[in-house]
Each structure stands twice: as structure tokens, then as C-alpha cells.
């Protein structure tokens, strides 16, 4: 497991916790890059809301922006998306281990109660 800045990890979790932001991210993954106006045309919320979501995703490092004339185009940062995937996998493994310990304790308690009965 690679050491990472916990603040960055928290920003990733915050960014992907919101279903609307995940939809924006999914669209960007599918499209390659897009403006907030183009994304808003495919989403059930305004361009301003899309822009706010893109700001959160950008602060988390999941997307980058670049100016193209008067437009701002956003695209997914592949390395950050990979880090988000790693982070979720690491967290799932920790939770699986915790749940396995809880299950073992519960089974031991149940076995002990059966012997005592």
C-alpha cells in the first residue's frame, strides 16, 4: 500500500460521495472532455450546478480544466481516477477484514452459548 496525503484522500471521498458528481464524472469518462454547457445538456441540472460539481472534482484532482478560447473544457485525470479506485479497494479490504472478525466473534459466542445450554 502506497502512502498518500490523507487530505487528498478525503477530497477524493468527498468528491465521489455525491451521486450528481459521479454522473458528471461518468459523462466525462465517456466523452473524453467537455464544457459545462455540453454536460448540462445531458444532465438534469443547470450549467451552474455542473460548474460547481466540476470545481469539487477539480479540487480533488479528478478532473483538469483548460481554456480553449472563451470556453473552459474539463477532462478526467486518469491517474487520480486510478488512485480513487485504489483507495476504494483498500477501504473495501479493511471493511471485509473487520466484518470477518465480527463474524468470527459472533460464531464463537454462538458456539459457546450452545455448549453452555
N, C-alpha and C. Protein backbone atom coordinates (compact mmCIF):
# COMPACT_ATOMS: atom_id res chain seq x y z
N UNK A 1 0.84 -1.17 0.00
CA UNK A 1 0.00 0.00 0.00
C UNK A 1 0.89 1.23 0.00
N UNK A 2 0.62 2.15 -0.88
CA UNK A 2 1.41 3.37 -1.02
C UNK A 2 0.87 4.43 -0.07
N UNK A 3 1.78 5.17 0.57
CA UNK A 3 1.35 6.25 1.46
C UNK A 3 0.89 7.43 0.62
N UNK A 4 -0.22 8.02 1.03
CA UNK A 4 -0.76 9.19 0.33
C UNK A 4 -1.17 10.22 1.35
N UNK A 5 -1.33 11.44 0.90
CA UNK A 5 -1.77 12.54 1.75
C UNK A 5 -3.23 12.29 2.15
N UNK A 6 -3.51 12.18 3.46
CA UNK A 6 -4.90 11.93 3.88
C UNK A 6 -5.86 13.02 3.43
N UNK A 7 -5.38 14.27 3.32
CA UNK A 7 -6.24 15.36 2.85
C UNK A 7 -6.69 15.13 1.42
N UNK A 8 -5.80 14.63 0.59
CA UNK A 8 -6.15 14.32 -0.80
C UNK A 8 -7.15 13.17 -0.83
N UNK A 9 -6.90 12.14 -0.01
CA UNK A 9 -7.82 11.02 0.05
C UNK A 9 -9.21 11.47 0.51
N UNK A 10 -9.26 12.36 1.50
CA UNK A 10 -10.55 12.89 1.96
C UNK A 10 -11.24 13.66 0.85
N UNK A 11 -10.48 14.44 0.09
CA UNK A 11 -11.06 15.20 -1.02
C UNK A 11 -11.63 14.26 -2.07
N UNK A 12 -10.93 13.14 -2.32
CA UNK A 12 -11.45 12.15 -3.28
C UNK A 12 -12.77 11.57 -2.79
N UNK A 13 -12.81 11.18 -1.50
CA UNK A 13 -14.05 10.62 -0.95
C UNK A 13 -15.18 11.63 -1.03
N UNK A 14 -14.90 12.87 -0.65
CA UNK A 14 -15.93 13.91 -0.71
C UNK A 14 -16.44 14.10 -2.13
N UNK A 15 -15.52 14.07 -3.08
CA UNK A 15 -15.90 14.31 -4.48
C UNK A 15 -16.78 13.18 -5.02
N UNK A 16 -16.44 11.95 -4.73
CA UNK A 16 -17.20 10.83 -5.31
C UNK A 16 -18.39 10.41 -4.45
N UNK A 17 -18.55 11.03 -3.28
CA UNK A 17 -19.67 10.68 -2.41
C UNK A 17 -21.00 11.15 -2.98
N UNK A 18 -20.98 12.20 -3.77
CA UNK A 18 -22.21 12.77 -4.30
C UNK A 18 -22.59 12.11 -5.63
N UNK A 19 -23.81 11.57 -5.72
CA UNK A 19 -24.22 10.90 -6.96
C UNK A 19 -24.22 11.81 -8.19
N UNK A 20 -24.53 13.09 -7.99
CA UNK A 20 -24.51 14.03 -9.12
C UNK A 20 -23.09 14.20 -9.66
N UNK A 21 -22.13 14.29 -8.76
CA UNK A 21 -20.74 14.41 -9.22
C UNK A 21 -20.27 13.14 -9.92
N UNK A 22 -20.73 12.00 -9.43
CA UNK A 22 -20.37 10.74 -10.12
C UNK A 22 -20.96 10.72 -11.52
N UNK A 23 -22.16 11.26 -11.70
CA UNK A 23 -22.76 11.33 -13.04
C UNK A 23 -21.95 12.23 -13.96
N UNK A 24 -21.50 13.38 -13.42
CA UNK A 24 -20.67 14.29 -14.21
C UNK A 24 -19.37 13.58 -14.59
N UNK A 25 -18.77 12.90 -13.63
CA UNK A 25 -17.52 12.17 -13.88
C UNK A 25 -17.73 11.07 -14.91
N UNK A 26 -18.83 10.33 -14.80
CA UNK A 26 -19.14 9.28 -15.78
C UNK A 26 -19.27 9.85 -17.19
N UNK A 27 -19.94 10.99 -17.30
CA UNK A 27 -20.08 11.62 -18.61
C UNK A 27 -18.73 12.04 -19.19
N UNK A 28 -17.88 12.59 -18.34
CA UNK A 28 -16.55 12.99 -18.81
C UNK A 28 -15.73 11.78 -19.23
N UNK A 29 -15.84 10.70 -18.50
CA UNK A 29 -15.12 9.47 -18.88
C UNK A 29 -15.62 9.01 -20.25
N UNK A 30 -16.92 9.05 -20.46
CA UNK A 30 -17.50 8.60 -21.72
C UNK A 30 -17.18 9.54 -22.89
N UNK A 31 -17.15 10.85 -22.63
CA UNK A 31 -16.98 11.84 -23.70
C UNK A 31 -15.51 12.17 -23.99
N UNK A 32 -14.66 12.05 -23.00
CA UNK A 32 -13.27 12.48 -23.16
C UNK A 32 -13.05 13.85 -22.55
N UNK A 33 -13.66 14.86 -23.08
CA UNK A 33 -13.65 16.18 -22.46
C UNK A 33 -14.89 16.94 -22.91
N UNK A 34 -15.25 17.95 -22.12
CA UNK A 34 -16.48 18.69 -22.43
C UNK A 34 -16.52 19.98 -21.64
N UNK A 35 -17.39 20.87 -22.08
CA UNK A 35 -17.65 22.11 -21.35
C UNK A 35 -18.82 21.87 -20.39
N UNK A 36 -18.97 22.72 -19.39
CA UNK A 36 -20.13 22.59 -18.50
C UNK A 36 -21.46 22.68 -19.26
N UNK A 37 -21.51 23.49 -20.30
CA UNK A 37 -22.74 23.63 -21.09
C UNK A 37 -23.10 22.32 -21.77
N UNK A 38 -22.12 21.66 -22.38
CA UNK A 38 -22.36 20.38 -23.04
C UNK A 38 -22.81 19.33 -22.02
N UNK A 39 -22.15 19.31 -20.86
CA UNK A 39 -22.52 18.33 -19.83
C UNK A 39 -23.92 18.60 -19.30
N UNK A 40 -24.25 19.88 -19.08
CA UNK A 40 -25.58 20.23 -18.55
C UNK A 40 -26.70 19.81 -19.49
N UNK A 41 -26.41 19.80 -20.79
CA UNK A 41 -27.43 19.39 -21.75
C UNK A 41 -27.80 17.92 -21.59
N UNK A 42 -26.91 17.14 -20.97
CA UNK A 42 -27.16 15.71 -20.78
C UNK A 42 -27.51 15.35 -19.34
N UNK A 43 -27.63 16.35 -18.49
CA UNK A 43 -27.90 16.11 -17.07
C UNK A 43 -29.14 16.87 -16.63
N UNK A 44 -29.77 16.42 -15.54
CA UNK A 44 -30.99 17.09 -15.08
C UNK A 44 -30.73 18.28 -14.17
N UNK A 45 -29.60 18.95 -14.33
CA UNK A 45 -29.35 20.16 -13.55
C UNK A 45 -28.66 21.22 -14.40
N UNK A 46 -28.58 22.42 -13.87
CA UNK A 46 -28.13 23.58 -14.63
C UNK A 46 -26.63 23.58 -14.91
N UNK A 47 -26.24 24.44 -15.84
CA UNK A 47 -24.82 24.60 -16.15
C UNK A 47 -24.07 25.10 -14.92
N UNK A 48 -24.70 25.98 -14.14
CA UNK A 48 -24.05 26.49 -12.93
C UNK A 48 -23.81 25.36 -11.92
N UNK A 49 -24.78 24.46 -11.79
CA UNK A 49 -24.61 23.32 -10.88
C UNK A 49 -23.50 22.41 -11.39
N UNK A 50 -23.47 22.18 -12.70
CA UNK A 50 -22.40 21.36 -13.29
C UNK A 50 -21.05 21.99 -13.01
N UNK A 51 -20.96 23.31 -13.17
CA UNK A 51 -19.70 24.02 -12.92
C UNK A 51 -19.25 23.86 -11.47
N UNK A 52 -20.19 23.94 -10.53
CA UNK A 52 -19.85 23.74 -9.12
C UNK A 52 -19.35 22.32 -8.88
N UNK A 53 -20.02 21.33 -9.45
CA UNK A 53 -19.58 19.95 -9.30
C UNK A 53 -18.19 19.75 -9.91
N UNK A 54 -17.97 20.35 -11.06
CA UNK A 54 -16.65 20.25 -11.70
C UNK A 54 -15.57 20.88 -10.83
N UNK A 55 -15.91 21.96 -10.13
CA UNK A 55 -14.96 22.59 -9.21
C UNK A 55 -14.54 21.66 -8.09
N UNK A 56 -15.51 20.94 -7.53
CA UNK A 56 -15.20 19.97 -6.47
C UNK A 56 -14.34 18.85 -7.03
N UNK A 57 -14.71 18.34 -8.20
CA UNK A 57 -13.93 17.27 -8.83
C UNK A 57 -12.51 17.75 -9.16
N UNK A 58 -12.39 19.00 -9.57
CA UNK A 58 -11.06 19.53 -9.91
C UNK A 58 -10.21 19.70 -8.65
N UNK A 59 -10.80 20.19 -7.56
CA UNK A 59 -10.04 20.34 -6.30
C UNK A 59 -9.58 18.98 -5.78
N UNK A 60 -10.34 17.94 -6.07
CA UNK A 60 -9.95 16.58 -5.67
C UNK A 60 -8.93 15.99 -6.63
N UNK A 61 -8.67 16.69 -7.73
CA UNK A 61 -7.70 16.21 -8.70
C UNK A 61 -8.25 15.21 -9.70
N UNK A 62 -9.56 14.99 -9.67
CA UNK A 62 -10.17 14.00 -10.57
C UNK A 62 -10.36 14.52 -11.99
N UNK A 63 -10.48 15.83 -12.13
CA UNK A 63 -10.58 16.43 -13.46
C UNK A 63 -9.63 17.62 -13.55
N UNK A 64 -9.29 17.98 -14.77
CA UNK A 64 -8.50 19.19 -15.02
C UNK A 64 -9.27 20.06 -16.00
N UNK A 65 -8.98 21.34 -15.92
CA UNK A 65 -9.64 22.27 -16.85
C UNK A 65 -8.58 22.95 -17.69
N UNK A 66 -9.00 23.34 -18.89
CA UNK A 66 -8.12 24.11 -19.77
C UNK A 66 -8.99 25.06 -20.56
N UNK A 67 -8.46 26.24 -20.75
CA UNK A 67 -9.19 27.24 -21.50
C UNK A 67 -8.94 27.03 -22.98
N UNK A 68 -10.01 27.02 -23.76
CA UNK A 68 -9.94 26.92 -25.22
C UNK A 68 -10.75 28.10 -25.76
N UNK A 69 -10.08 29.21 -25.98
CA UNK A 69 -10.80 30.42 -26.39
C UNK A 69 -11.63 30.93 -25.23
N UNK A 70 -12.93 31.08 -25.46
CA UNK A 70 -13.82 31.55 -24.40
C UNK A 70 -14.37 30.40 -23.56
N UNK A 71 -14.14 29.19 -23.99
CA UNK A 71 -14.67 28.02 -23.28
C UNK A 71 -13.65 27.47 -22.29
N UNK A 72 -14.18 26.83 -21.27
CA UNK A 72 -13.35 26.04 -20.36
C UNK A 72 -13.76 24.59 -20.56
N UNK A 73 -12.79 23.77 -20.92
CA UNK A 73 -13.05 22.35 -21.17
C UNK A 73 -12.47 21.54 -20.02
N UNK A 74 -13.22 20.54 -19.60
CA UNK A 74 -12.80 19.68 -18.50
C UNK A 74 -12.54 18.27 -19.02
N UNK A 75 -11.57 17.62 -18.44
CA UNK A 75 -11.29 16.22 -18.78
C UNK A 75 -10.88 15.48 -17.52
N UNK A 76 -11.03 14.17 -17.55
CA UNK A 76 -10.71 13.31 -16.41
C UNK A 76 -9.20 13.16 -16.29
N UNK A 77 -8.72 13.16 -15.06
CA UNK A 77 -7.31 12.90 -14.77
C UNK A 77 -7.20 11.41 -14.45
N UNK A 78 -6.65 10.66 -15.40
CA UNK A 78 -6.62 9.19 -15.28
C UNK A 78 -5.90 8.72 -14.03
N UNK A 79 -4.79 9.35 -13.68
CA UNK A 79 -4.04 8.90 -12.50
C UNK A 79 -4.84 9.09 -11.22
N UNK A 80 -5.59 10.18 -11.13
CA UNK A 80 -6.42 10.41 -9.95
C UNK A 80 -7.58 9.42 -9.90
N UNK A 81 -8.13 9.09 -11.05
CA UNK A 81 -9.20 8.10 -11.10
C UNK A 81 -8.68 6.74 -10.64
N UNK A 82 -7.47 6.41 -11.04
CA UNK A 82 -6.84 5.17 -10.59
C UNK A 82 -6.63 5.20 -9.09
N UNK A 83 -6.19 6.35 -8.55
CA UNK A 83 -5.99 6.48 -7.11
C UNK A 83 -7.31 6.32 -6.38
N UNK A 84 -8.38 6.88 -6.90
CA UNK A 84 -9.69 6.73 -6.28
C UNK A 84 -10.09 5.26 -6.25
N UNK A 85 -9.83 4.56 -7.32
CA UNK A 85 -10.13 3.13 -7.38
C UNK A 85 -9.31 2.36 -6.35
N UNK A 86 -8.02 2.69 -6.26
CA UNK A 86 -7.14 2.06 -5.25
C UNK A 86 -7.66 2.31 -3.85
N UNK A 87 -8.01 3.55 -3.58
CA UNK A 87 -8.50 3.93 -2.26
C UNK A 87 -9.75 3.16 -1.89
N UNK A 88 -10.67 3.03 -2.85
CA UNK A 88 -11.90 2.28 -2.58
C UNK A 88 -11.61 0.80 -2.36
N UNK A 89 -10.68 0.25 -3.12
CA UNK A 89 -10.30 -1.16 -2.95
C UNK A 89 -9.67 -1.38 -1.58
N UNK A 90 -8.76 -0.49 -1.18
CA UNK A 90 -8.12 -0.60 0.14
C UNK A 90 -9.16 -0.54 1.25
N UNK A 91 -10.10 0.38 1.12
CA UNK A 91 -11.14 0.54 2.13
C UNK A 91 -12.03 -0.71 2.18
N UNK A 92 -12.39 -1.24 1.03
CA UNK A 92 -13.21 -2.45 0.98
C UNK A 92 -12.50 -3.62 1.67
N UNK A 93 -11.19 -3.75 1.44
CA UNK A 93 -10.42 -4.83 2.08
C UNK A 93 -10.43 -4.67 3.60
N UNK A 94 -10.24 -3.43 4.08
CA UNK A 94 -10.26 -3.20 5.53
C UNK A 94 -11.63 -3.55 6.12
N UNK A 95 -12.71 -3.15 5.43
CA UNK A 95 -14.04 -3.46 5.92
C UNK A 95 -14.32 -4.97 5.87
N UNK A 96 -13.87 -5.63 4.83
CA UNK A 96 -14.02 -7.09 4.75
C UNK A 96 -13.34 -7.76 5.93
N UNK A 97 -12.14 -7.30 6.27
CA UNK A 97 -11.40 -7.87 7.40
C UNK A 97 -12.14 -7.61 8.71
N UNK A 98 -12.66 -6.41 8.87
CA UNK A 98 -13.43 -6.10 10.09
C UNK A 98 -14.68 -6.97 10.19
N UNK A 99 -15.39 -7.10 9.10
CA UNK A 99 -16.61 -7.92 9.11
C UNK A 99 -16.29 -9.39 9.37
N UNK A 100 -15.17 -9.87 8.85
CA UNK A 100 -14.76 -11.25 9.11
C UNK A 100 -14.47 -11.45 10.60
N UNK A 101 -13.84 -10.45 11.23
CA UNK A 101 -13.57 -10.55 12.68
C UNK A 101 -14.87 -10.54 13.47
N UNK A 102 -15.81 -9.68 13.09
CA UNK A 102 -17.11 -9.63 13.77
C UNK A 102 -17.82 -10.96 13.63
N UNK A 103 -17.79 -11.53 12.43
CA UNK A 103 -18.43 -12.82 12.18
C UNK A 103 -17.79 -13.91 13.04
N UNK A 104 -16.47 -13.91 13.13
CA UNK A 104 -15.77 -14.92 13.93
C UNK A 104 -16.15 -14.79 15.40
N UNK A 105 -16.23 -13.57 15.89
CA UNK A 105 -16.63 -13.35 17.30
C UNK A 105 -18.05 -13.83 17.52
N UNK A 106 -18.96 -13.49 16.61
CA UNK A 106 -20.36 -13.90 16.75
C UNK A 106 -20.48 -15.42 16.71
N UNK A 107 -19.74 -16.07 15.81
CA UNK A 107 -19.79 -17.53 15.73
C UNK A 107 -19.23 -18.17 16.99
N UNK A 108 -18.18 -17.60 17.54
CA UNK A 108 -17.60 -18.13 18.77
C UNK A 108 -18.57 -17.96 19.93
N UNK A 109 -19.23 -16.81 20.01
CA UNK A 109 -20.23 -16.59 21.06
C UNK A 109 -21.39 -17.57 20.92
N UNK A 110 -21.83 -17.79 19.70
CA UNK A 110 -22.92 -18.73 19.44
C UNK A 110 -22.51 -20.15 19.83
N UNK A 111 -21.29 -20.54 19.48
CA UNK A 111 -20.78 -21.88 19.84
C UNK A 111 -20.68 -22.01 21.34
N UNK A 112 -20.23 -20.96 22.02
CA UNK A 112 -20.10 -21.00 23.46
C UNK A 112 -21.48 -21.12 24.13
N UNK A 113 -22.46 -20.37 23.61
CA UNK A 113 -23.82 -20.46 24.14
C UNK A 113 -24.40 -21.85 23.93
N UNK A 114 -24.12 -22.46 22.80
CA UNK A 114 -24.60 -23.81 22.51
C UNK A 114 -24.01 -24.82 23.47
N UNK A 115 -22.70 -24.67 23.78
CA UNK A 115 -22.05 -25.58 24.73
C UNK A 115 -22.58 -25.40 26.13
N UNK A 116 -22.92 -24.15 26.50
CA UNK A 116 -23.40 -23.85 27.84
C UNK A 116 -24.86 -24.26 28.05
N UNK A 117 -25.59 -24.43 26.96
CA UNK A 117 -27.02 -24.73 27.06
C UNK A 117 -27.28 -26.16 27.42
